[in-house]
Every structure is written in structure tokens, then in C-alpha cells.
Amino acid sequence: MTRIQQLAALLTELEAIDLTHTLEEGMPVYPAHSRFYHGLWDSQATGSAALSYQLTIHEHCGTHMDATAHFMPAGHPAHQFMADTPIGQFYARALTIDCGGFADNDLVTRERIERWEREHTAIRAGDAVLFRFGWDRHWKPRTERPAYTVSWPGLSGEAAQYLADKRIKAVGCDTLAIDCSYSRDNPAHHALLGNGINIIENLTRLERILGESVLFAMPLKIKEGSGSPIRAIAFVEKPAQA
């Protein structure tokens, strides 16, 4: 059996978990960003041979990835465009840390991460580290409940630098941004993006992948992009059957 066949067989033995919110009009967006629009372009009812829609979307709408260019000025050593990032940056072993119970002004500290490592496994270079706050429970249309975009917990600058020093590939969360809504100057964004580490925001269902998984998070190939909507999928061991 070839290695390709082995990989294909292995993936069928694992459970795939979709970590992506559905793109739809009225979904939560960062207050300073444009909304998502999904407009009918043409259809059979208007005489076309096919149905089609036009998308109007901000690079940081929905479940998305921040490229380092999002916060790093041109000329910075870590500045890079989404189209130029090696494809290997977008898949990794993922370690998901449970931070359920955090309030909207709480920060994940370096000590919290180190304690998790002692109790579970060490974070290694090339990993992705995800933080499950359970904030996706607030993901509702803006007209129904605005809580998701009002305030949220996040990662401290010191914790972000600790992860950056480990040379991981990506950090993700199920909140609107990796920096707490009460944080000043976005220290986590600067520590991570400044070291070439992508940030994944607005994830969902992270309670399904607590601990170890394999993450695939593929952005669109946008020239000179500051970020991109993604489809994020994780593979985990299937539950043991009774």
C-alpha cells in the first residue's frame, strides 16, 4: 500500500469535525468591518440558463484567518501576503485548550497554558493551538442578539509571546478576535502576526476537538490579502462504540 493509500485509509477511520460558521446575511461581524451580502445575480426565472449569486464579503468575515499583513506594516520581516504563504502553513497538529467559563474580560495567561501542558502534552514547533471559550454560543444574527460582537475574552500578550517563541503555525479561537475586547493595543495580534503566526478567529464546535486533533484551515489565495474566509476542518479519533 502506498503512503497516499495509507493516508486516505487513515482519514476514513477518523471523524471530521467542521469548525466553520455558515456565511449568511445578518451574521455577526467586527463593528469596524463591512457586512456580508449574498445577492441574487441571475436565475432561470430571469431567463438565465443557471442560478448564480454575487458575494460581497470583507476579508475578515465569518470564520477566517488573519495574514501577518493584517497588523504588520509593509517591510516588516514577518509581513507576507496570503498568496505567498507556503501551503504547509495551513495544516498542523492542533491542541485545543478548554477555557470554558471565562468571562468577557478574562485573559488566558502563560501560566494557564503551561499548566495545560503539564496535564496533557507539550506544545511543539509546527503545532496549531486553539482556545475554546464556548463563545460561539452567542453567535446569533445581529438583529436577534448582539452579544457576540459586544465583548469577549482573549489571549494575553505574554501568553501570545510564549506561543510565538515555540514557533507554532497558528493560534485560533471561537471569539471575534484573539485579543480580549477590553485589551489595549492588540498585544496578542502583534506578538503572533509579528512572528509569522497566522490567527484563526470565529471558530465553532471546539468542544468537539478538545485535546489533540489534525487541523486543516485553508484560506483563499488572495494577492496582497490581509486575511481570508476559510473552511476549517479537524480530524479526531472516532468515539469508541459501545
C-alpha atoms as a PDB file:
ATOM      1  CA  MET A   1       0.000   0.000   0.000  1.00  0.00           C
ATOM      2  CA  THR A   2       1.355   3.406  -0.979  1.00  0.00           C
ATOM      3  CA  ARG A   3       1.617   6.261   1.518  1.00  0.00           C
ATOM      4  CA  ILE A   4      -1.201   8.032  -0.344  1.00  0.00           C
ATOM      5  CA  GLN A   5      -3.419   4.983   0.087  1.00  0.00           C
ATOM      6  CA  GLN A   6      -2.428   4.758   3.759  1.00  0.00           C
ATOM      7  CA  LEU A   7      -3.332   8.410   4.318  1.00  0.00           C
ATOM      8  CA  ALA A   8      -6.673   8.039   2.516  1.00  0.00           C
ATOM      9  CA  ALA A   9      -7.486   4.965   4.592  1.00  0.00           C
ATOM     10  CA  LEU A  10      -6.490   6.704   7.824  1.00  0.00           C
ATOM     11  CA  LEU A  11      -8.690   9.719   7.127  1.00  0.00           C
ATOM     12  CA  THR A  12     -11.721   7.477   6.644  1.00  0.00           C
ATOM     13  CA  GLU A  13     -11.040   5.981  10.075  1.00  0.00           C
ATOM     14  CA  LEU A  14     -11.073   9.402  11.742  1.00  0.00           C
ATOM     15  CA  GLU A  15     -14.016  11.701  12.421  1.00  0.00           C
ATOM     16  CA  ALA A  16     -14.085  15.011  10.545  1.00  0.00           C
ATOM     17  CA  ILE A  17     -15.418  17.983  12.531  1.00  0.00           C
ATOM     18  CA  ASP A  18     -16.448  21.165  10.711  1.00  0.00           C
ATOM     19  CA  LEU A  19     -15.260  24.172  12.744  1.00  0.00           C
ATOM     20  CA  THR A  20     -16.730  26.763  10.367  1.00  0.00           C
ATOM     21  CA  HIS A  21     -19.682  29.125  10.769  1.00  0.00           C
ATOM     22  CA  THR A  22     -22.070  29.423   7.833  1.00  0.00           C
ATOM     23  CA  LEU A  23     -21.713  32.619   5.805  1.00  0.00           C
ATOM     24  CA  GLU A  24     -25.123  34.308   5.790  1.00  0.00           C
ATOM     25  CA  GLU A  25     -26.556  37.786   5.763  1.00  0.00           C
ATOM     26  CA  GLY A  26     -27.085  39.196   9.236  1.00  0.00           C
ATOM     27  CA  MET A  27     -24.287  37.159  10.831  1.00  0.00           C
ATOM     28  CA  PRO A  28     -22.014  38.834  13.414  1.00  0.00           C
ATOM     29  CA  VAL A  29     -19.153  40.916  12.020  1.00  0.00           C
ATOM     30  CA  TYR A  30     -16.491  43.050  13.679  1.00  0.00           C
ATOM     31  CA  PRO A  31     -18.019  46.509  14.259  1.00  0.00           C
ATOM     32  CA  ALA A  32     -15.461  48.272  12.034  1.00  0.00           C
ATOM     33  CA  HIS A  33     -15.831  45.774   9.160  1.00  0.00           C
ATOM     34  CA  SER A  34     -18.314  45.714   6.280  1.00  0.00           C
ATOM     35  CA  ARG A  35     -21.197  43.260   6.373  1.00  0.00           C
ATOM     36  CA  PHE A  36     -21.647  40.112   4.297  1.00  0.00           C
ATOM     37  CA  TYR A  37     -24.060  40.320   1.368  1.00  0.00           C
ATOM     38  CA  HIS A  38     -25.317  37.423  -0.746  1.00  0.00           C
ATOM     39  CA  GLY A  39     -27.260  38.856  -3.664  1.00  0.00           C
ATOM     40  CA  LEU A  40     -29.075  37.137  -6.485  1.00  0.00           C
ATOM     41  CA  TRP A  41     -27.216  37.777  -9.756  1.00  0.00           C
ATOM     42  CA  ASP A  42     -29.248  35.733 -12.215  1.00  0.00           C
ATOM     43  CA  SER A  43     -31.596  32.762 -12.328  1.00  0.00           C
ATOM     44  CA  GLN A  44     -33.785  30.671 -14.572  1.00  0.00           C
ATOM     45  CA  ALA A  45     -36.717  32.869 -13.549  1.00  0.00           C
ATOM     46  CA  THR A  46     -34.987  35.864 -15.155  1.00  0.00           C
ATOM     47  CA  GLY A  47     -34.134  33.996 -18.343  1.00  0.00           C
ATOM     48  CA  SER A  48     -30.675  32.694 -17.438  1.00  0.00           C
ATOM     49  CA  ALA A  49     -29.629  29.107 -18.027  1.00  0.00           C
ATOM     50  CA  ALA A  50     -28.264  28.875 -14.482  1.00  0.00           C
ATOM     51  CA  LEU A  51     -28.721  30.241 -10.971  1.00  0.00           C
ATOM     52  CA  SER A  52     -25.903  32.400  -9.567  1.00  0.00           C
ATOM     53  CA  TYR A  53     -25.292  34.803  -6.696  1.00  0.00           C
ATOM     54  CA  GLN A  54     -22.760  37.558  -6.106  1.00  0.00           C
ATOM     55  CA  LEU A  55     -20.852  37.708  -2.801  1.00  0.00           C
ATOM     56  CA  THR A  56     -19.783  40.936  -1.131  1.00  0.00           C
ATOM     57  CA  ILE A  57     -17.538  39.976   1.749  1.00  0.00           C
ATOM     58  CA  HIS A  58     -14.874  41.502   3.987  1.00  0.00           C
ATOM     59  CA  GLU A  59     -11.615  39.520   4.233  1.00  0.00           C
ATOM     60  CA  HIS A  60     -12.268  39.070   7.964  1.00  0.00           C
ATOM     61  CA  CYS A  61     -15.916  37.941   7.798  1.00  0.00           C
ATOM     62  CA  GLY A  62     -17.077  34.720   9.411  1.00  0.00           C
ATOM     63  CA  THR A  63     -14.567  32.010  10.247  1.00  0.00           C
ATOM     64  CA  HIS A  64     -11.384  33.499   8.851  1.00  0.00           C
ATOM     65  CA  MET A  65      -7.613  33.663   9.036  1.00  0.00           C
ATOM     66  CA  ASP A  66      -5.515  36.778   9.642  1.00  0.00           C
ATOM     67  CA  ALA A  67      -2.457  37.039   7.451  1.00  0.00           C
ATOM     68  CA  THR A  68       0.556  38.683   9.044  1.00  0.00           C
ATOM     69  CA  ALA A  69      -0.047  41.716   6.805  1.00  0.00           C
ATOM     70  CA  HIS A  70      -3.225  42.429   8.823  1.00  0.00           C
ATOM     71  CA  PHE A  71      -1.222  44.173  11.559  1.00  0.00           C
ATOM     72  CA  MET A  72       2.367  44.218  10.289  1.00  0.00           C
ATOM     73  CA  PRO A  73       3.424  47.152   8.058  1.00  0.00           C
ATOM     74  CA  ALA A  74       4.972  46.503   4.673  1.00  0.00           C
ATOM     75  CA  GLY A  75       8.692  45.939   5.084  1.00  0.00           C
ATOM     76  CA  HIS A  76       8.386  44.158   8.425  1.00  0.00           C
ATOM     77  CA  PRO A  77      10.300  40.817   8.316  1.00  0.00           C
ATOM     78  CA  ALA A  78       7.097  38.876   9.046  1.00  0.00           C
ATOM     79  CA  HIS A  79       4.968  40.774   6.523  1.00  0.00           C
ATOM     80  CA  GLN A  80       3.665  38.427   3.862  1.00  0.00           C
ATOM     81  CA  PHE A  81       0.743  38.190   1.500  1.00  0.00           C
ATOM     82  CA  MET A  82      -1.770  35.379   1.736  1.00  0.00           C
ATOM     83  CA  ALA A  83      -0.957  34.236  -1.796  1.00  0.00           C
ATOM     84  CA  ASP A  84       2.736  33.848  -0.950  1.00  0.00           C
ATOM     85  CA  THR A  85       2.352  31.752   2.225  1.00  0.00           C
ATOM     86  CA  PRO A  86       3.542  28.131   1.832  1.00  0.00           C
ATOM     87  CA  ILE A  87       0.599  25.695   1.802  1.00  0.00           C
ATOM     88  CA  GLY A  88       2.142  23.762   4.681  1.00  0.00           C
ATOM     89  CA  GLN A  89       1.299  26.688   6.973  1.00  0.00           C
ATOM     90  CA  PHE A  90      -2.370  25.752   6.736  1.00  0.00           C
ATOM     91  CA  TYR A  91      -2.399  22.260   8.265  1.00  0.00           C
ATOM     92  CA  ALA A  92      -0.962  21.051  11.544  1.00  0.00           C
ATOM     93  CA  ARG A  93      -1.416  19.030  14.679  1.00  0.00           C
ATOM     94  CA  ALA A  94      -3.859  21.099  16.728  1.00  0.00           C
ATOM     95  CA  LEU A  95      -4.042  21.282  20.513  1.00  0.00           C
ATOM     96  CA  THR A  96      -7.317  22.691  21.822  1.00  0.00           C
ATOM     97  CA  ILE A  97      -7.272  24.171  25.324  1.00  0.00           C
ATOM     98  CA  ASP A  98     -10.598  24.391  27.178  1.00  0.00           C
ATOM     99  CA  CYS A  99     -11.186  27.868  28.623  1.00  0.00           C
ATOM    100  CA  GLY A 100     -14.923  27.480  29.139  1.00  0.00           C
ATOM    101  CA  GLY A 101     -16.195  29.559  31.999  1.00  0.00           C
ATOM    102  CA  PHE A 102     -14.063  32.588  31.143  1.00  0.00           C
ATOM    103  CA  ALA A 103     -15.839  35.930  31.485  1.00  0.00           C
ATOM    104  CA  ASP A 104     -15.661  38.561  28.752  1.00  0.00           C
ATOM    105  CA  ASN A 105     -12.827  40.431  30.493  1.00  0.00           C
ATOM    106  CA  ASP A 106     -10.697  37.344  31.242  1.00  0.00           C
ATOM    107  CA  LEU A 107      -7.321  36.657  29.626  1.00  0.00           C
ATOM    108  CA  VAL A 108      -5.540  33.347  29.028  1.00  0.00           C
ATOM    109  CA  THR A 109      -2.209  33.648  30.821  1.00  0.00           C
ATOM    110  CA  ARG A 110       1.099  31.969  30.123  1.00  0.00           C
ATOM    111  CA  GLU A 111       0.682  30.077  33.402  1.00  0.00           C
ATOM    112  CA  ARG A 112      -2.656  28.693  32.229  1.00  0.00           C
ATOM    113  CA  ILE A 113      -1.040  27.333  29.063  1.00  0.00           C
ATOM    114  CA  GLU A 114       1.929  25.865  30.936  1.00  0.00           C
ATOM    115  CA  ARG A 115      -0.409  24.146  33.383  1.00  0.00           C
ATOM    116  CA  TRP A 116      -2.352  22.654  30.483  1.00  0.00           C
ATOM    117  CA  GLU A 117       0.912  21.363  29.000  1.00  0.00           C
ATOM    118  CA  ARG A 118       1.877  19.692  32.271  1.00  0.00           C
ATOM    119  CA  GLU A 119      -1.520  17.999  32.459  1.00  0.00           C
ATOM    120  CA  HIS A 120      -1.767  16.990  28.789  1.00  0.00           C
ATOM    121  CA  THR A 121       1.132  17.332  26.338  1.00  0.00           C
ATOM    122  CA  ALA A 122       3.850  19.773  25.352  1.00  0.00           C
ATOM    123  CA  ILE A 123       3.207  22.309  22.598  1.00  0.00           C
ATOM    124  CA  ARG A 124       5.740  21.765  19.822  1.00  0.00           C
ATOM    125  CA  ALA A 125       7.034  23.791  16.902  1.00  0.00           C
ATOM    126  CA  GLY A 126       4.677  23.489  13.944  1.00  0.00           C
ATOM    127  CA  ASP A 127       1.540  22.959  16.061  1.00  0.00           C
ATOM    128  CA  ALA A 128      -1.650  24.989  15.968  1.00  0.00           C
ATOM    129  CA  VAL A 129      -3.069  25.994  19.359  1.00  0.00           C
ATOM    130  CA  LEU A 130      -6.807  26.656  19.696  1.00  0.00           C
ATOM    131  CA  PHE A 131      -8.673  28.199  22.632  1.00  0.00           C
ATOM    132  CA  ARG A 132     -12.220  27.078  23.338  1.00  0.00           C
ATOM    133  CA  PHE A 133     -14.127  29.730  25.306  1.00  0.00           C
ATOM    134  CA  GLY A 134     -17.559  28.473  24.253  1.00  0.00           C
ATOM    135  CA  TRP A 135     -18.247  31.962  22.889  1.00  0.00           C
ATOM    136  CA  ASP A 136     -19.864  30.505  19.767  1.00  0.00           C
ATOM    137  CA  ARG A 137     -22.990  30.048  21.923  1.00  0.00           C
ATOM    138  CA  HIS A 138     -23.520  33.795  21.371  1.00  0.00           C
ATOM    139  CA  TRP A 139     -23.285  33.513  17.555  1.00  0.00           C
ATOM    140  CA  LYS A 140     -26.710  34.819  16.525  1.00  0.00           C
ATOM    141  CA  PRO A 141     -27.980  37.237  13.855  1.00  0.00           C
ATOM    142  CA  ARG A 142     -27.243  40.823  14.835  1.00  0.00           C
ATOM    143  CA  THR A 143     -30.953  41.662  14.952  1.00  0.00           C
ATOM    144  CA  GLU A 144     -31.593  38.794  17.368  1.00  0.00           C
ATOM    145  CA  ARG A 145     -28.697  39.106  19.819  1.00  0.00           C
ATOM    146  CA  PRO A 146     -25.602  41.348  19.549  1.00  0.00           C
ATOM    147  CA  ALA A 147     -23.706  39.751  22.485  1.00  0.00           C
ATOM    148  CA  TYR A 148     -21.079  38.065  20.275  1.00  0.00           C
ATOM    149  CA  THR A 149     -19.733  41.381  18.988  1.00  0.00           C
ATOM    150  CA  VAL A 150     -20.051  43.398  22.219  1.00  0.00           C
ATOM    151  CA  SER A 151     -17.318  41.796  24.367  1.00  0.00           C
ATOM    152  CA  TRP A 152     -15.278  38.600  24.637  1.00  0.00           C
ATOM    153  CA  PRO A 153     -12.277  37.018  26.421  1.00  0.00           C
ATOM    154  CA  GLY A 154      -8.899  36.548  24.787  1.00  0.00           C
ATOM    155  CA  LEU A 155      -5.213  35.785  24.958  1.00  0.00           C
ATOM    156  CA  SER A 156      -2.765  37.912  26.947  1.00  0.00           C
ATOM    157  CA  GLY A 157       0.241  39.407  25.201  1.00  0.00           C
ATOM    158  CA  GLU A 158       2.589  37.389  27.421  1.00  0.00           C
ATOM    159  CA  ALA A 159       0.807  34.134  26.553  1.00  0.00           C
ATOM    160  CA  ALA A 160       0.888  35.014  22.853  1.00  0.00           C
ATOM    161  CA  GLN A 161       4.634  35.659  23.031  1.00  0.00           C
ATOM    162  CA  TYR A 162       5.119  32.326  24.830  1.00  0.00           C
ATOM    163  CA  LEU A 163       3.402  30.553  21.920  1.00  0.00           C
ATOM    164  CA  ALA A 164       5.333  32.601  19.355  1.00  0.00           C
ATOM    165  CA  ASP A 165       8.611  31.554  20.987  1.00  0.00           C
ATOM    166  CA  LYS A 166       7.590  27.936  20.447  1.00  0.00           C
ATOM    167  CA  ARG A 167       7.416  28.593  16.659  1.00  0.00           C
ATOM    168  CA  ILE A 168       3.903  27.268  16.208  1.00  0.00           C
ATOM    169  CA  LYS A 169       1.983  27.761  12.940  1.00  0.00           C
ATOM    170  CA  ALA A 170      -1.339  29.209  14.069  1.00  0.00           C
ATOM    171  CA  VAL A 171      -3.494  30.242  17.015  1.00  0.00           C
ATOM    172  CA  GLY A 172      -7.285  30.047  16.898  1.00  0.00           C
ATOM    173  CA  CYS A 173     -10.324  30.936  18.998  1.00  0.00           C
ATOM    174  CA  ASP A 174     -14.137  30.828  18.970  1.00  0.00           C
ATOM    175  CA  THR A 175     -14.390  34.570  19.627  1.00  0.00           C
ATOM    176  CA  LEU A 176     -14.491  37.618  17.372  1.00  0.00           C
ATOM    177  CA  ALA A 177     -10.771  38.291  17.919  1.00  0.00           C
ATOM    178  CA  ILE A 178      -7.806  36.690  19.689  1.00  0.00           C
ATOM    179  CA  ASP A 179      -7.288  39.843  21.777  1.00  0.00           C
ATOM    180  CA  CYS A 180      -9.853  40.372  24.532  1.00  0.00           C
ATOM    181  CA  SER A 181     -12.360  43.114  23.728  1.00  0.00           C
ATOM    182  CA  TYR A 182     -11.003  45.040  26.745  1.00  0.00           C
ATOM    183  CA  SER A 183      -7.332  44.705  25.730  1.00  0.00           C
ATOM    184  CA  ARG A 184      -5.464  47.777  24.605  1.00  0.00           C
ATOM    185  CA  ASP A 185      -3.142  47.929  21.583  1.00  0.00           C
ATOM    186  CA  ASN A 186      -3.874  44.314  20.464  1.00  0.00           C
ATOM    187  CA  PRO A 187      -0.796  42.716  22.095  1.00  0.00           C
ATOM    188  CA  ALA A 188      -1.686  39.164  21.049  1.00  0.00           C
ATOM    189  CA  HIS A 189      -2.130  40.147  17.405  1.00  0.00           C
ATOM    190  CA  HIS A 190       1.246  41.877  17.374  1.00  0.00           C
ATOM    191  CA  ALA A 191       3.090  39.059  19.163  1.00  0.00           C
ATOM    192  CA  LEU A 192       1.680  36.386  16.857  1.00  0.00           C
ATOM    193  CA  LEU A 193       1.495  38.109  13.479  1.00  0.00           C
ATOM    194  CA  GLY A 194       4.822  39.795  14.148  1.00  0.00           C
ATOM    195  CA  ASN A 195       6.382  36.324  14.301  1.00  0.00           C
ATOM    196  CA  GLY A 196       4.665  34.996  11.169  1.00  0.00           C
ATOM    197  CA  ILE A 197       1.979  33.062  13.065  1.00  0.00           C
ATOM    198  CA  ASN A 198      -1.475  33.177  11.491  1.00  0.00           C
ATOM    199  CA  ILE A 199      -4.561  33.826  13.628  1.00  0.00           C
ATOM    200  CA  ILE A 200      -7.857  31.984  13.104  1.00  0.00           C
ATOM    201  CA  GLU A 201     -10.975  33.659  14.528  1.00  0.00           C
ATOM    202  CA  ASN A 202     -14.704  32.859  14.755  1.00  0.00           C
ATOM    203  CA  LEU A 203     -14.242  29.106  15.006  1.00  0.00           C
ATOM    204  CA  THR A 204     -17.061  26.911  16.309  1.00  0.00           C
ATOM    205  CA  ARG A 205     -17.603  23.435  17.826  1.00  0.00           C
ATOM    206  CA  LEU A 206     -14.197  23.464  19.513  1.00  0.00           C
ATOM    207  CA  GLU A 207     -15.690  21.378  22.338  1.00  0.00           C
ATOM    208  CA  ARG A 208     -15.672  18.509  19.811  1.00  0.00           C
ATOM    209  CA  ILE A 209     -11.892  18.570  19.435  1.00  0.00           C
ATOM    210  CA  LEU A 210     -10.548  19.238  22.937  1.00  0.00           C
ATOM    211  CA  GLY A 211      -7.025  17.882  23.256  1.00  0.00           C
ATOM    212  CA  GLU A 212      -5.281  16.645  20.108  1.00  0.00           C
ATOM    213  CA  SER A 213      -6.511  16.711  16.519  1.00  0.00           C
ATOM    214  CA  VAL A 214      -5.284  17.443  12.999  1.00  0.00           C
ATOM    215  CA  LEU A 215      -6.415  20.807  11.640  1.00  0.00           C
ATOM    216  CA  PHE A 216      -6.839  21.909   8.026  1.00  0.00           C
ATOM    217  CA  ALA A 217      -7.631  25.638   7.631  1.00  0.00           C
ATOM    218  CA  MET A 218      -7.355  26.762   4.028  1.00  0.00           C
ATOM    219  CA  PRO A 219      -7.660  30.451   3.091  1.00  0.00           C
ATOM    220  CA  LEU A 220      -8.468  31.783  -0.350  1.00  0.00           C
ATOM    221  CA  LYS A 221      -5.379  32.641  -2.383  1.00  0.00           C
ATOM    222  CA  ILE A 222      -5.757  36.430  -2.305  1.00  0.00           C
ATOM    223  CA  LYS A 223      -2.942  38.524  -3.723  1.00  0.00           C
ATOM    224  CA  GLU A 224      -1.863  41.161  -1.196  1.00  0.00           C
ATOM    225  CA  GLY A 225      -4.531  39.868   1.182  1.00  0.00           C
ATOM    226  CA  SER A 226      -4.695  40.805   4.863  1.00  0.00           C
ATOM    227  CA  GLY A 227      -6.757  37.714   5.596  1.00  0.00           C
ATOM    228  CA  SER A 228      -9.361  35.390   4.170  1.00  0.00           C
ATOM    229  CA  PRO A 229     -12.515  33.456   4.999  1.00  0.00           C
ATOM    230  CA  ILE A 230     -11.635  29.788   5.478  1.00  0.00           C
ATOM    231  CA  ARG A 231     -13.182  26.341   5.756  1.00  0.00           C
ATOM    232  CA  ALA A 232     -11.672  24.877   8.921  1.00  0.00           C
ATOM    233  CA  ILE A 233     -11.883  21.115   9.482  1.00  0.00           C
ATOM    234  CA  ALA A 234     -10.328  18.985  12.195  1.00  0.00           C
ATOM    235  CA  PHE A 235      -9.848  15.219  12.289  1.00  0.00           C
ATOM    236  CA  VAL A 236     -10.172  13.379  15.611  1.00  0.00           C
ATOM    237  CA  GLU A 237     -10.391   9.798  16.787  1.00  0.00           C
ATOM    238  CA  LYS A 238     -13.914   8.408  16.385  1.00  0.00           C
ATOM    239  CA  PRO A 239     -15.705   7.697  19.666  1.00  0.00           C
ATOM    240  CA  ALA A 240     -15.423   4.099  20.792  1.00  0.00           C
ATOM    241  CA  GLN A 241     -18.595   2.159  20.020  1.00  0.00           C
ATOM    242  CA  ALA A 242     -20.392   0.531  22.916  1.00  0.00           C
END
